[in-house]
Amino acid sequence: MGPGPSTRERPVVTTAPDHFDYEAHLAACARGDRQALRRLYDRESPRLLGVALRIVRERQAAEDVLHDAFVSIWTRAAGFDATRGSGRGWMYTVVRHAALDAVRDGAREVHVDEAALDALGGEAFDPGIQEAFELRQDMGRLHDCLNRLDVAKRNSILHAYVDGFSHSEIAERLKSPLGTVKAWIKRGLSALRECMV
């Protein structure tokens, strides 16, 4: 049996078992390496689906958002700038924006008054319409409650629950001690719960 394939024939991107190089994978995507995109998808899609699901609140819509976001990651990979942030954070931002756009588009599409709903008949009523109205109302209330928080608590919560950053990544980003960031998130979430009641 001859030797295995040379390193020149192997994929451009290599990683240690405990370290995944998002920036190198995005650079490979920019060069047209579809396997790099597949590895990014395999690595992050479950968590990114969770980010989308928290925003759009419906599994199929979240899966659509994730698909569109990965198409966007593929087509925009050349525009990723590692000096402005991490590759992983950039991917989370792409997904978050795609999910928010989907919610806004859905809100624009749902313009049916109660008389029109009655005319459709009970069997034709889509419970997703009611959920879209409720989500829009909840998001408005959440936005107001977030704006009542001080900037540090608000940014910590957004980085954690929208961008998907770990506590240590948030501490690094905000240039604050890890314990302080954890306290901001804990107190901020407590204030949000009280505000949303």
C-alpha atoms as a PDB file:
ATOM      1  CA  MET A   1       0.000   0.000   0.000  1.00  0.00           C
ATOM      2  CA  GLY A   2       1.459   3.372  -0.987  1.00  0.00           C
ATOM      3  CA  PRO A   3       1.682   6.464   1.201  1.00  0.00           C
ATOM      4  CA  GLY A   4      -1.421   8.544   1.891  1.00  0.00           C
ATOM      5  CA  PRO A   5      -2.261  11.728   0.019  1.00  0.00           C
ATOM      6  CA  SER A   6       0.286  14.508   0.274  1.00  0.00           C
ATOM      7  CA  THR A   7      -0.490  17.569   2.343  1.00  0.00           C
ATOM      8  CA  ARG A   8      -0.945  19.511  -0.886  1.00  0.00           C
ATOM      9  CA  GLU A   9      -3.992  17.390  -1.722  1.00  0.00           C
ATOM     10  CA  ARG A  10      -5.601  17.909   1.669  1.00  0.00           C
ATOM     11  CA  PRO A  11      -7.990  20.806   2.479  1.00  0.00           C
ATOM     12  CA  VAL A  12      -6.311  24.156   3.004  1.00  0.00           C
ATOM     13  CA  VAL A  13      -7.782  24.610   6.471  1.00  0.00           C
ATOM     14  CA  THR A  14      -6.367  22.515   9.314  1.00  0.00           C
ATOM     15  CA  THR A  15      -7.205  22.756  12.994  1.00  0.00           C
ATOM     16  CA  ALA A  16      -6.069  21.241  16.243  1.00  0.00           C
ATOM     17  CA  PRO A  17      -8.722  19.019  17.877  1.00  0.00           C
ATOM     18  CA  ASP A  18      -9.511  21.624  20.537  1.00  0.00           C
ATOM     19  CA  HIS A  19      -9.265  24.736  18.372  1.00  0.00           C
ATOM     20  CA  PHE A  20     -11.432  25.671  15.428  1.00  0.00           C
ATOM     21  CA  ASP A  21     -10.098  28.496  13.256  1.00  0.00           C
ATOM     22  CA  TYR A  22     -13.202  30.373  12.088  1.00  0.00           C
ATOM     23  CA  GLU A  23     -11.183  33.093  10.389  1.00  0.00           C
ATOM     24  CA  ALA A  24      -9.224  30.595   8.272  1.00  0.00           C
ATOM     25  CA  HIS A  25     -12.444  28.801   7.312  1.00  0.00           C
ATOM     26  CA  LEU A  26     -14.059  32.086   6.240  1.00  0.00           C
ATOM     27  CA  ALA A  27     -10.953  32.935   4.210  1.00  0.00           C
ATOM     28  CA  ALA A  28     -11.238  29.509   2.557  1.00  0.00           C
ATOM     29  CA  CYS A  29     -14.921  30.201   1.792  1.00  0.00           C
ATOM     30  CA  ALA A  30     -13.859  33.455   0.143  1.00  0.00           C
ATOM     31  CA  ARG A  31     -11.576  31.377  -2.097  1.00  0.00           C
ATOM     32  CA  GLY A  32     -14.497  29.110  -3.042  1.00  0.00           C
ATOM     33  CA  ASP A  33     -13.775  26.171  -0.718  1.00  0.00           C
ATOM     34  CA  ARG A  34     -17.192  24.564  -0.193  1.00  0.00           C
ATOM     35  CA  GLN A  35     -15.789  22.085   2.332  1.00  0.00           C
ATOM     36  CA  ALA A  36     -14.820  25.007   4.562  1.00  0.00           C
ATOM     37  CA  LEU A  37     -18.436  26.165   4.497  1.00  0.00           C
ATOM     38  CA  ARG A  38     -19.592  22.623   5.311  1.00  0.00           C
ATOM     39  CA  ARG A  39     -17.239  22.494   8.314  1.00  0.00           C
ATOM     40  CA  LEU A  40     -18.515  25.880   9.539  1.00  0.00           C
ATOM     41  CA  TYR A  41     -22.068  24.605   9.165  1.00  0.00           C
ATOM     42  CA  ASP A  42     -21.349  21.335  10.964  1.00  0.00           C
ATOM     43  CA  ARG A  43     -19.568  23.189  13.753  1.00  0.00           C
ATOM     44  CA  GLU A  44     -22.006  26.046  14.433  1.00  0.00           C
ATOM     45  CA  SER A  45     -25.404  25.289  12.876  1.00  0.00           C
ATOM     46  CA  PRO A  46     -27.022  23.872  16.065  1.00  0.00           C
ATOM     47  CA  ARG A  47     -26.116  26.987  18.073  1.00  0.00           C
ATOM     48  CA  LEU A  48     -26.920  29.361  15.218  1.00  0.00           C
ATOM     49  CA  LEU A  49     -30.303  27.670  14.795  1.00  0.00           C
ATOM     50  CA  GLY A  50     -30.888  28.404  18.496  1.00  0.00           C
ATOM     51  CA  VAL A  51     -30.067  32.082  17.930  1.00  0.00           C
ATOM     52  CA  ALA A  52     -32.515  32.248  15.014  1.00  0.00           C
ATOM     53  CA  LEU A  53     -35.181  30.333  16.942  1.00  0.00           C
ATOM     54  CA  ARG A  54     -34.995  32.739  19.902  1.00  0.00           C
ATOM     55  CA  ILE A  55     -35.766  35.588  17.511  1.00  0.00           C
ATOM     56  CA  VAL A  56     -38.294  34.144  15.046  1.00  0.00           C
ATOM     57  CA  ARG A  57     -39.877  31.699  17.558  1.00  0.00           C
ATOM     58  CA  GLU A  58     -40.842  29.076  14.948  1.00  0.00           C
ATOM     59  CA  ARG A  59     -38.714  26.102  13.942  1.00  0.00           C
ATOM     60  CA  GLN A  60     -39.333  26.127  10.179  1.00  0.00           C
ATOM     61  CA  ALA A  61     -38.776  29.884   9.993  1.00  0.00           C
ATOM     62  CA  ALA A  62     -35.568  29.501  12.013  1.00  0.00           C
ATOM     63  CA  GLU A  63     -34.332  26.792   9.641  1.00  0.00           C
ATOM     64  CA  ASP A  64     -35.086  29.076   6.673  1.00  0.00           C
ATOM     65  CA  VAL A  65     -33.196  31.900   8.366  1.00  0.00           C
ATOM     66  CA  LEU A  66     -30.228  29.594   8.990  1.00  0.00           C
ATOM     67  CA  HIS A  67     -30.166  28.504   5.334  1.00  0.00           C
ATOM     68  CA  ASP A  68     -30.320  32.103   4.103  1.00  0.00           C
ATOM     69  CA  ALA A  69     -27.656  33.145   6.608  1.00  0.00           C
ATOM     70  CA  PHE A  70     -25.230  30.465   5.403  1.00  0.00           C
ATOM     71  CA  VAL A  71     -25.810  31.524   1.800  1.00  0.00           C
ATOM     72  CA  SER A  72     -24.973  35.050   2.950  1.00  0.00           C
ATOM     73  CA  ILE A  73     -21.890  33.840   4.864  1.00  0.00           C
ATOM     74  CA  TRP A  74     -20.714  32.079   1.689  1.00  0.00           C
ATOM     75  CA  THR A  75     -21.284  35.069  -0.589  1.00  0.00           C
ATOM     76  CA  ARG A  76     -19.977  37.678   1.876  1.00  0.00           C
ATOM     77  CA  ALA A  77     -16.990  35.746   3.287  1.00  0.00           C
ATOM     78  CA  ALA A  78     -14.545  37.846   1.250  1.00  0.00           C
ATOM     79  CA  GLY A  79     -15.853  40.939   3.051  1.00  0.00           C
ATOM     80  CA  PHE A  80     -15.144  39.548   6.532  1.00  0.00           C
ATOM     81  CA  ASP A  81     -12.517  41.675   8.284  1.00  0.00           C
ATOM     82  CA  ALA A  82     -10.719  39.866  11.125  1.00  0.00           C
ATOM     83  CA  THR A  83      -9.436  43.186  12.482  1.00  0.00           C
ATOM     84  CA  ARG A  84     -13.009  44.150  13.375  1.00  0.00           C
ATOM     85  CA  GLY A  85     -13.953  41.030  15.309  1.00  0.00           C
ATOM     86  CA  SER A  86     -13.917  37.252  15.456  1.00  0.00           C
ATOM     87  CA  GLY A  87     -15.116  35.059  12.621  1.00  0.00           C
ATOM     88  CA  ARG A  88     -17.521  33.278  14.942  1.00  0.00           C
ATOM     89  CA  GLY A  89     -18.973  36.567  16.154  1.00  0.00           C
ATOM     90  CA  TRP A  90     -19.392  37.752  12.565  1.00  0.00           C
ATOM     91  CA  MET A  91     -21.341  34.579  11.711  1.00  0.00           C
ATOM     92  CA  TYR A  92     -23.636  35.120  14.706  1.00  0.00           C
ATOM     93  CA  THR A  93     -24.212  38.706  13.582  1.00  0.00           C
ATOM     94  CA  VAL A  94     -25.157  37.513  10.059  1.00  0.00           C
ATOM     95  CA  VAL A  95     -27.676  35.053  11.526  1.00  0.00           C
ATOM     96  CA  ARG A  96     -29.084  37.602  13.972  1.00  0.00           C
ATOM     97  CA  HIS A  97     -29.627  40.168  11.196  1.00  0.00           C
ATOM     98  CA  ALA A  98     -31.218  37.531   8.951  1.00  0.00           C
ATOM     99  CA  ALA A  99     -33.597  36.549  11.770  1.00  0.00           C
ATOM    100  CA  LEU A 100     -34.520  40.156  12.564  1.00  0.00           C
ATOM    101  CA  ASP A 101     -35.121  40.801   8.854  1.00  0.00           C
ATOM    102  CA  ALA A 102     -37.394  37.742   8.734  1.00  0.00           C
ATOM    103  CA  VAL A 103     -39.396  39.031  11.707  1.00  0.00           C
ATOM    104  CA  ARG A 104     -39.698  42.479  10.130  1.00  0.00           C
ATOM    105  CA  ASP A 105     -40.721  40.978   6.782  1.00  0.00           C
ATOM    106  CA  GLY A 106     -43.275  38.763   8.514  1.00  0.00           C
ATOM    107  CA  ALA A 107     -44.684  41.716  10.421  1.00  0.00           C
ATOM    108  CA  ARG A 108     -45.050  43.651   7.161  1.00  0.00           C
ATOM    109  CA  GLU A 109     -46.815  40.727   5.495  1.00  0.00           C
ATOM    110  CA  VAL A 110     -49.413  40.285   8.259  1.00  0.00           C
ATOM    111  CA  HIS A 111     -51.995  43.022   7.672  1.00  0.00           C
ATOM    112  CA  VAL A 112     -55.307  41.239   8.252  1.00  0.00           C
ATOM    113  CA  ASP A 113     -58.044  42.739  10.405  1.00  0.00           C
ATOM    114  CA  GLU A 114     -60.389  40.612  12.532  1.00  0.00           C
ATOM    115  CA  ALA A 115     -63.278  40.834  10.036  1.00  0.00           C
ATOM    116  CA  ALA A 116     -61.010  39.447   7.320  1.00  0.00           C
ATOM    117  CA  LEU A 117     -59.884  36.645   9.637  1.00  0.00           C
ATOM    118  CA  ASP A 118     -63.519  35.778  10.398  1.00  0.00           C
ATOM    119  CA  ALA A 119     -64.230  35.667   6.666  1.00  0.00           C
ATOM    120  CA  LEU A 120     -61.498  33.062   6.247  1.00  0.00           C
ATOM    121  CA  GLY A 121     -63.335  30.653   8.536  1.00  0.00           C
ATOM    122  CA  GLY A 122     -62.010  28.782  11.548  1.00  0.00           C
ATOM    123  CA  GLU A 123     -60.347  25.965   9.630  1.00  0.00           C
ATOM    124  CA  ALA A 124     -58.409  28.329   7.394  1.00  0.00           C
ATOM    125  CA  PHE A 125     -57.015  30.332  10.312  1.00  0.00           C
ATOM    126  CA  ASP A 126     -53.256  29.990  10.628  1.00  0.00           C
ATOM    127  CA  PRO A 127     -52.144  30.076  14.272  1.00  0.00           C
ATOM    128  CA  GLY A 128     -48.841  31.468  13.015  1.00  0.00           C
ATOM    129  CA  ILE A 129     -50.585  34.775  12.296  1.00  0.00           C
ATOM    130  CA  GLN A 130     -51.556  35.182  15.947  1.00  0.00           C
ATOM    131  CA  GLU A 131     -48.041  34.168  16.986  1.00  0.00           C
ATOM    132  CA  ALA A 132     -46.592  36.794  14.643  1.00  0.00           C
ATOM    133  CA  PHE A 133     -48.746  39.504  16.240  1.00  0.00           C
ATOM    134  CA  GLU A 134     -47.822  38.332  19.733  1.00  0.00           C
ATOM    135  CA  LEU A 135     -44.127  38.145  18.834  1.00  0.00           C
ATOM    136  CA  ARG A 136     -44.235  41.662  17.413  1.00  0.00           C
ATOM    137  CA  GLN A 137     -45.871  42.924  20.618  1.00  0.00           C
ATOM    138  CA  ASP A 138     -43.400  41.028  22.819  1.00  0.00           C
ATOM    139  CA  MET A 139     -40.426  42.290  20.811  1.00  0.00           C
ATOM    140  CA  GLY A 140     -41.637  45.861  21.199  1.00  0.00           C
ATOM    141  CA  ARG A 141     -41.952  45.399  24.951  1.00  0.00           C
ATOM    142  CA  LEU A 142     -38.553  43.689  25.127  1.00  0.00           C
ATOM    143  CA  HIS A 143     -36.992  46.561  23.174  1.00  0.00           C
ATOM    144  CA  ASP A 144     -38.458  49.063  25.636  1.00  0.00           C
ATOM    145  CA  CYS A 145     -37.253  47.014  28.624  1.00  0.00           C
ATOM    146  CA  LEU A 146     -33.761  46.663  27.162  1.00  0.00           C
ATOM    147  CA  ASN A 147     -33.593  50.424  26.672  1.00  0.00           C
ATOM    148  CA  ARG A 148     -34.286  50.893  30.402  1.00  0.00           C
ATOM    149  CA  LEU A 149     -31.133  48.965  31.328  1.00  0.00           C
ATOM    150  CA  ASP A 150     -27.828  50.739  31.682  1.00  0.00           C
ATOM    151  CA  VAL A 151     -25.522  50.327  28.694  1.00  0.00           C
ATOM    152  CA  ALA A 152     -23.187  47.746  30.276  1.00  0.00           C
ATOM    153  CA  LYS A 153     -26.012  45.378  31.277  1.00  0.00           C
ATOM    154  CA  ARG A 154     -27.813  45.807  27.955  1.00  0.00           C
ATOM    155  CA  ASN A 155     -24.667  45.158  25.887  1.00  0.00           C
ATOM    156  CA  SER A 156     -23.718  42.135  28.003  1.00  0.00           C
ATOM    157  CA  ILE A 157     -27.149  40.572  27.507  1.00  0.00           C
ATOM    158  CA  LEU A 158     -27.209  41.286  23.766  1.00  0.00           C
ATOM    159  CA  HIS A 159     -23.732  39.833  23.289  1.00  0.00           C
ATOM    160  CA  ALA A 160     -24.723  36.710  25.246  1.00  0.00           C
ATOM    161  CA  TYR A 161     -28.201  36.008  23.885  1.00  0.00           C
ATOM    162  CA  VAL A 162     -28.180  37.574  20.434  1.00  0.00           C
ATOM    163  CA  ASP A 163     -24.554  37.322  19.311  1.00  0.00           C
ATOM    164  CA  GLY A 164     -23.960  34.040  21.148  1.00  0.00           C
ATOM    165  CA  PHE A 165     -20.719  35.108  22.850  1.00  0.00           C
ATOM    166  CA  SER A 166     -19.449  33.315  25.946  1.00  0.00           C
ATOM    167  CA  HIS A 167     -19.014  35.261  29.187  1.00  0.00           C
ATOM    168  CA  SER A 168     -15.243  35.369  28.684  1.00  0.00           C
ATOM    169  CA  GLU A 169     -15.674  36.665  25.107  1.00  0.00           C
ATOM    170  CA  ILE A 170     -17.990  39.401  26.406  1.00  0.00           C
ATOM    171  CA  ALA A 171     -15.510  40.332  29.129  1.00  0.00           C
ATOM    172  CA  GLU A 172     -12.783  40.646  26.512  1.00  0.00           C
ATOM    173  CA  ARG A 173     -15.006  42.630  24.174  1.00  0.00           C
ATOM    174  CA  LEU A 174     -16.177  45.038  26.895  1.00  0.00           C
ATOM    175  CA  LYS A 175     -12.724  45.125  28.534  1.00  0.00           C
ATOM    176  CA  SER A 176     -14.263  44.275  31.909  1.00  0.00           C
ATOM    177  CA  PRO A 177     -13.574  41.599  34.555  1.00  0.00           C
ATOM    178  CA  LEU A 178     -15.333  38.273  33.974  1.00  0.00           C
ATOM    179  CA  GLY A 179     -17.095  38.414  37.362  1.00  0.00           C
ATOM    180  CA  THR A 180     -18.440  41.879  36.572  1.00  0.00           C
ATOM    181  CA  VAL A 181     -19.830  40.721  33.226  1.00  0.00           C
ATOM    182  CA  LYS A 182     -21.552  37.746  34.896  1.00  0.00           C
ATOM    183  CA  ALA A 183     -23.083  40.096  37.480  1.00  0.00           C
ATOM    184  CA  TRP A 184     -24.280  42.490  34.748  1.00  0.00           C
ATOM    185  CA  ILE A 185     -25.979  39.642  32.900  1.00  0.00           C
ATOM    186  CA  LYS A 186     -27.577  38.230  36.052  1.00  0.00           C
ATOM    187  CA  ARG A 187     -28.882  41.607  37.234  1.00  0.00           C
ATOM    188  CA  GLY A 188     -29.906  42.645  33.731  1.00  0.00           C
ATOM    189  CA  LEU A 189     -31.923  39.469  33.190  1.00  0.00           C
ATOM    190  CA  SER A 190     -33.596  39.942  36.562  1.00  0.00           C
ATOM    191  CA  ALA A 191     -34.560  43.511  35.628  1.00  0.00           C
ATOM    192  CA  LEU A 192     -35.847  42.332  32.235  1.00  0.00           C
ATOM    193  CA  ARG A 193     -38.021  39.656  33.848  1.00  0.00           C
ATOM    194  CA  GLU A 194     -39.580  42.240  36.160  1.00  0.00           C
ATOM    195  CA  CYS A 195     -40.110  44.671  33.292  1.00  0.00           C
ATOM    196  CA  MET A 196     -41.711  42.067  30.985  1.00  0.00           C
ATOM    197  CA  VAL A 197     -44.322  40.934  33.545  1.00  0.00           C
END
